[in-house]
Amino acid sequence: MGSSEFTGYCSFTKAIEHLGDRWSLLIVRELGTFGPQGFNELVAGLPGRVSRSVLADRLRRLETLGLVSRPEGSAPHPAYELTAVGEGLMATFGSLRAWADTWLPEDPEMLERDPDVVLGWLAGRVSPTRTPGRRVVLEIRLRHRFDRRYWLVLQHGTEPYGCLTDPLLEETRYVYLECSMPAVLALARGRGDWSEALQDGSVKAFGDPTLVRRLPRWFRPVPAAAARRIRDQREPFRSPADSERVRR
């Protein structure tokens, strides 16, 4: 029996044909998460760099499918918003995100392609109650295909933020980090622990010894579920017979 004979195959194929590109699903997620937005807001807010022509094409397609609409009003350029049909996809996105967080590896090229997104993730991992009293800059240096540097600025009482150019503060306020690409992504996504990364050498820190010592405390600890997954990945396979011998 061919796959086309199974119930639901045609519906699944139809969904992939209409929504199986990068931008369509991201547009729906953006509108569902942050509410109605104008065209320019979507250009600025979508992760990555979508061209205006591609965004216009995808929005027209989503309007045709009935997932997105632009309510007529007094504004010359009405904002785009999800319809009830589009809202119906949000639960699916939640399931897809949970699955991806558990099973999909990070894209090692993402920090070079979308550094602002990864810096935003890192900023989101900062513990606001433990940040230093005076402004401190983490200079993140990556040697992947190219030698790149990025900056994360921390200060108690202020939202942490990333920079693609050096903020040029006093040298004593810098912690210089040399990192591998996988280490940065793991730390940014809350799957890596700062203390362990410094200990195993995937992150090397230089600068004021006091700041270097306090660095791990400025970030929230790894969630328990993620820590368990990390330990499971590091532990060698143990057969039931091995486990029985350990218990004895």
Protein backbone atom coordinates (compact mmCIF):
# COMPACT_ATOMS: atom_id res chain seq x y z
CA MET A 1 0.00 0.00 0.00
CA GLY A 2 1.46 3.38 -0.97
CA SER A 3 1.67 6.25 1.48
CA SER A 4 -1.03 8.14 -0.44
CA GLU A 5 -3.53 5.54 0.73
CA PHE A 6 -3.17 6.52 4.37
CA THR A 7 -5.85 8.81 5.84
CA GLY A 8 -4.51 12.32 6.37
CA TYR A 9 -1.61 12.07 3.97
CA CYS A 10 -3.10 14.59 1.54
CA SER A 11 -3.87 17.08 4.32
CA PHE A 12 -0.33 16.83 5.66
CA THR A 13 1.14 17.29 2.18
CA LYS A 14 -1.11 20.30 1.60
CA ALA A 15 0.10 21.92 4.83
CA ILE A 16 3.75 21.39 3.87
CA GLU A 17 3.20 22.77 0.37
CA HIS A 18 1.59 25.96 1.71
CA LEU A 19 3.70 26.54 4.84
CA GLY A 20 6.87 24.52 4.33
CA ASP A 21 9.28 27.44 3.96
CA ARG A 22 11.22 29.33 6.60
CA TRP A 23 9.34 32.62 6.60
CA SER A 24 5.67 31.64 6.55
CA LEU A 25 5.77 29.84 9.88
CA LEU A 26 7.98 32.51 11.45
CA ILE A 27 5.52 35.24 10.40
CA VAL A 28 2.60 33.35 11.97
CA ARG A 29 4.61 32.77 15.15
CA GLU A 30 5.67 36.45 15.32
CA LEU A 31 2.09 37.71 15.02
CA GLY A 32 0.78 35.08 17.43
CA THR A 33 3.42 35.89 20.05
CA PHE A 34 3.60 39.69 19.82
CA GLY A 35 0.22 40.63 18.38
CA PRO A 36 -0.67 42.80 15.35
CA GLN A 37 2.30 44.39 13.58
CA GLY A 38 2.89 46.59 10.58
CA PHE A 39 5.07 45.60 7.64
CA ASN A 40 8.13 47.49 8.88
CA GLU A 41 7.75 46.03 12.37
CA LEU A 42 7.80 42.55 10.88
CA VAL A 43 10.90 43.34 8.84
CA ALA A 44 12.69 44.45 12.01
CA GLY A 45 11.29 41.79 14.34
CA LEU A 46 11.59 38.55 12.39
CA PRO A 47 14.69 36.52 13.35
CA GLY A 48 17.17 36.65 10.49
CA ARG A 49 17.14 39.03 7.57
CA VAL A 50 14.06 38.74 5.40
CA SER A 51 13.95 40.84 2.24
CA ARG A 52 10.97 43.15 1.83
CA SER A 53 9.92 41.45 -1.42
CA VAL A 54 9.95 37.99 0.19
CA LEU A 55 8.00 39.24 3.22
CA ALA A 56 5.37 40.88 0.98
CA ASP A 57 4.99 37.64 -0.99
CA ARG A 58 4.60 35.49 2.14
CA LEU A 59 2.08 37.88 3.69
CA ARG A 60 -0.03 37.80 0.51
CA ARG A 61 0.06 34.01 0.58
CA LEU A 62 -0.94 33.88 4.26
CA GLU A 63 -3.81 36.30 3.59
CA THR A 64 -5.00 34.11 0.71
CA LEU A 65 -4.89 31.04 2.98
CA GLY A 66 -6.93 32.90 5.60
CA LEU A 67 -4.26 32.78 8.34
CA VAL A 68 -3.49 36.51 8.35
CA SER A 69 -5.69 39.56 7.80
CA ARG A 70 -5.45 43.35 7.81
CA PRO A 71 -8.58 44.84 9.39
CA GLU A 72 -9.72 47.93 7.58
CA GLY A 73 -9.64 51.07 9.70
CA SER A 74 -8.62 54.67 9.78
CA ALA A 75 -4.91 53.93 9.62
CA PRO A 76 -3.38 54.28 6.13
CA HIS A 77 -1.40 51.05 6.63
CA PRO A 78 -3.41 48.60 8.77
CA ALA A 79 -1.38 46.15 10.84
CA TYR A 80 -1.29 42.46 10.05
CA GLU A 81 -2.87 40.12 12.58
CA LEU A 82 -3.72 36.45 12.90
CA THR A 83 -7.18 35.19 12.14
CA ALA A 84 -8.84 32.44 14.18
CA VAL A 85 -7.39 29.99 11.64
CA GLY A 86 -3.89 31.32 12.23
CA GLU A 87 -4.36 31.26 16.01
CA GLY A 88 -5.10 27.55 15.68
CA LEU A 89 -1.46 26.96 14.75
CA MET A 90 -0.02 28.36 17.98
CA ALA A 91 -0.53 25.15 19.98
CA THR A 92 1.26 23.25 17.23
CA PHE A 93 4.17 25.69 17.45
CA GLY A 94 4.43 25.05 21.19
CA SER A 95 4.72 21.31 20.61
CA LEU A 96 7.22 21.80 17.80
CA ARG A 97 9.38 24.08 19.93
CA ALA A 98 9.41 21.62 22.84
CA TRP A 99 10.44 18.82 20.48
CA ALA A 100 13.18 20.94 18.87
CA ASP A 101 14.54 22.07 22.25
CA THR A 102 14.86 18.43 23.29
CA TRP A 103 16.17 16.76 20.16
CA LEU A 104 17.53 19.12 17.51
CA PRO A 105 21.19 20.21 17.68
CA GLU A 106 21.99 23.90 17.42
CA ASP A 107 23.05 25.30 14.06
CA PRO A 108 26.80 26.00 14.42
CA GLU A 109 26.65 28.77 11.81
CA MET A 110 23.87 30.73 13.52
CA LEU A 111 26.09 33.09 15.52
CA GLU A 112 27.78 34.24 12.33
CA ARG A 113 24.51 34.47 10.40
CA ASP A 114 22.29 36.02 13.10
CA PRO A 115 24.57 37.27 15.92
CA ASP A 116 21.92 39.63 17.28
CA VAL A 117 19.57 36.70 17.91
CA VAL A 118 22.19 34.69 19.82
CA LEU A 119 23.23 37.76 21.85
CA GLY A 120 19.57 38.23 22.72
CA TRP A 121 19.42 34.64 23.96
CA LEU A 122 22.54 35.22 26.09
CA ALA A 123 21.04 38.40 27.53
CA GLY A 124 17.92 36.43 28.39
CA ARG A 125 19.99 34.02 30.48
CA VAL A 126 21.34 36.82 32.70
CA SER A 127 20.19 36.79 36.32
CA PRO A 128 19.05 40.41 36.93
CA THR A 129 19.54 40.22 40.71
CA ARG A 130 23.18 39.10 40.46
CA THR A 131 24.63 41.39 37.81
CA PRO A 132 27.55 43.66 38.80
CA GLY A 133 26.91 47.07 40.30
CA ARG A 134 28.99 48.86 37.70
CA ARG A 135 28.81 48.28 33.97
CA VAL A 136 30.81 45.26 32.76
CA VAL A 137 31.38 44.13 29.18
CA LEU A 138 31.77 40.51 28.13
CA GLU A 139 33.80 40.46 24.93
CA ILE A 140 33.09 37.16 23.17
CA ARG A 141 35.72 36.12 20.67
CA LEU A 142 35.01 33.25 18.28
CA ARG A 143 37.42 31.56 15.96
CA HIS A 144 35.28 29.52 13.60
CA ARG A 145 35.63 30.13 9.90
CA PHE A 146 36.44 33.76 10.70
CA ASP A 147 37.74 35.63 13.72
CA ARG A 148 34.64 37.38 15.16
CA ARG A 149 33.99 39.43 18.28
CA TYR A 150 30.70 40.33 19.95
CA TRP A 151 29.90 42.18 23.18
CA LEU A 152 27.36 41.72 25.97
CA VAL A 153 26.90 44.61 28.43
CA LEU A 154 25.75 43.91 32.01
CA GLN A 155 24.88 46.22 34.90
CA HIS A 156 22.60 45.84 37.91
CA GLY A 157 19.27 47.58 37.39
CA THR A 158 19.68 47.77 33.61
CA GLU A 159 18.51 45.37 30.91
CA PRO A 160 21.52 43.48 29.52
CA TYR A 161 22.10 44.06 25.83
CA GLY A 162 24.31 42.80 23.03
CA CYS A 163 26.49 44.88 20.73
CA LEU A 164 27.98 44.15 17.32
CA THR A 165 30.54 46.95 17.88
CA ASP A 166 32.81 47.55 20.87
CA PRO A 167 31.10 49.84 23.45
CA LEU A 168 34.59 51.22 24.28
CA LEU A 169 34.48 51.27 28.08
CA GLU A 170 37.52 51.24 30.37
CA GLU A 171 39.63 48.11 29.92
CA THR A 172 39.20 47.18 33.59
CA ARG A 173 35.49 46.65 32.95
CA TYR A 174 36.00 43.92 30.34
CA VAL A 175 35.97 40.15 30.71
CA TYR A 176 37.54 38.68 27.58
CA LEU A 177 36.11 35.33 26.51
CA GLU A 178 37.45 32.92 23.91
CA CYS A 179 34.74 30.41 23.05
CA SER A 180 33.90 27.61 20.73
CA MET A 181 30.74 28.03 18.67
CA PRO A 182 28.93 25.05 20.28
CA ALA A 183 29.78 26.37 23.76
CA VAL A 184 28.27 29.81 23.07
CA LEU A 185 25.08 28.30 21.67
CA ALA A 186 24.75 25.90 24.60
CA LEU A 187 25.17 28.74 27.10
CA ALA A 188 22.76 30.99 25.19
CA ARG A 189 20.06 28.31 25.08
CA GLY A 190 20.41 27.34 28.74
CA ARG A 191 21.87 23.93 27.95
CA GLY A 192 25.37 24.68 29.17
CA ASP A 193 26.70 25.69 32.56
CA TRP A 194 29.19 28.57 32.79
CA SER A 195 31.26 26.98 35.55
CA GLU A 196 31.58 23.71 33.63
CA ALA A 197 32.40 25.51 30.38
CA LEU A 198 35.21 27.42 32.10
CA GLN A 199 36.46 24.25 33.74
CA ASP A 200 36.51 22.09 30.59
CA GLY A 201 38.12 24.83 28.49
CA SER A 202 35.33 25.33 25.96
CA VAL A 203 35.24 28.90 27.31
CA LYS A 204 38.44 30.70 28.40
CA ALA A 205 38.12 33.90 30.42
CA PHE A 206 40.69 36.67 30.91
CA GLY A 207 40.66 40.03 32.66
CA ASP A 208 40.15 41.22 36.21
CA PRO A 209 40.38 38.03 38.36
CA THR A 210 37.49 39.15 40.56
CA LEU A 211 35.21 39.64 37.55
CA VAL A 212 36.30 36.33 36.00
CA ARG A 213 35.57 34.52 39.27
CA ARG A 214 32.09 36.05 39.54
CA LEU A 215 31.17 35.51 35.88
CA PRO A 216 29.14 32.26 36.36
CA ARG A 217 26.99 33.90 39.06
CA TRP A 218 25.72 36.53 36.62
CA PHE A 219 23.72 33.92 34.70
CA ARG A 220 20.78 31.78 35.69
CA PRO A 221 21.62 28.12 36.41
CA VAL A 222 20.82 25.44 33.87
CA PRO A 223 17.25 24.13 34.35
CA ALA A 224 17.10 20.75 36.08
CA ALA A 225 15.67 18.96 33.04
CA ALA A 226 18.43 20.32 30.80
CA ALA A 227 21.07 19.39 33.37
CA ARG A 228 19.77 15.82 33.41
CA ARG A 229 19.94 15.64 29.61
CA ILE A 230 23.52 16.96 29.67
CA ARG A 231 24.53 14.34 32.25
CA ASP A 232 22.82 11.58 30.28
CA GLN A 233 24.67 12.61 27.12
CA ARG A 234 28.01 12.59 28.92
CA GLU A 235 27.57 9.25 30.74
CA PRO A 236 28.67 6.14 28.83
CA PHE A 237 26.03 3.56 27.97
CA ARG A 238 25.47 1.12 30.82
CA SER A 239 23.73 -2.19 30.19
CA PRO A 240 21.21 -3.65 32.68
CA ALA A 241 23.84 -6.22 33.69
CA ASP A 242 26.32 -3.43 34.46
CA SER A 243 23.70 -1.62 36.54
CA GLU A 244 23.03 -4.81 38.51
CA ARG A 245 26.74 -5.23 39.23
CA VAL A 246 26.93 -1.63 40.47
CA ARG A 247 24.01 -2.21 42.86
CA ARG A 248 25.75 -5.32 44.25
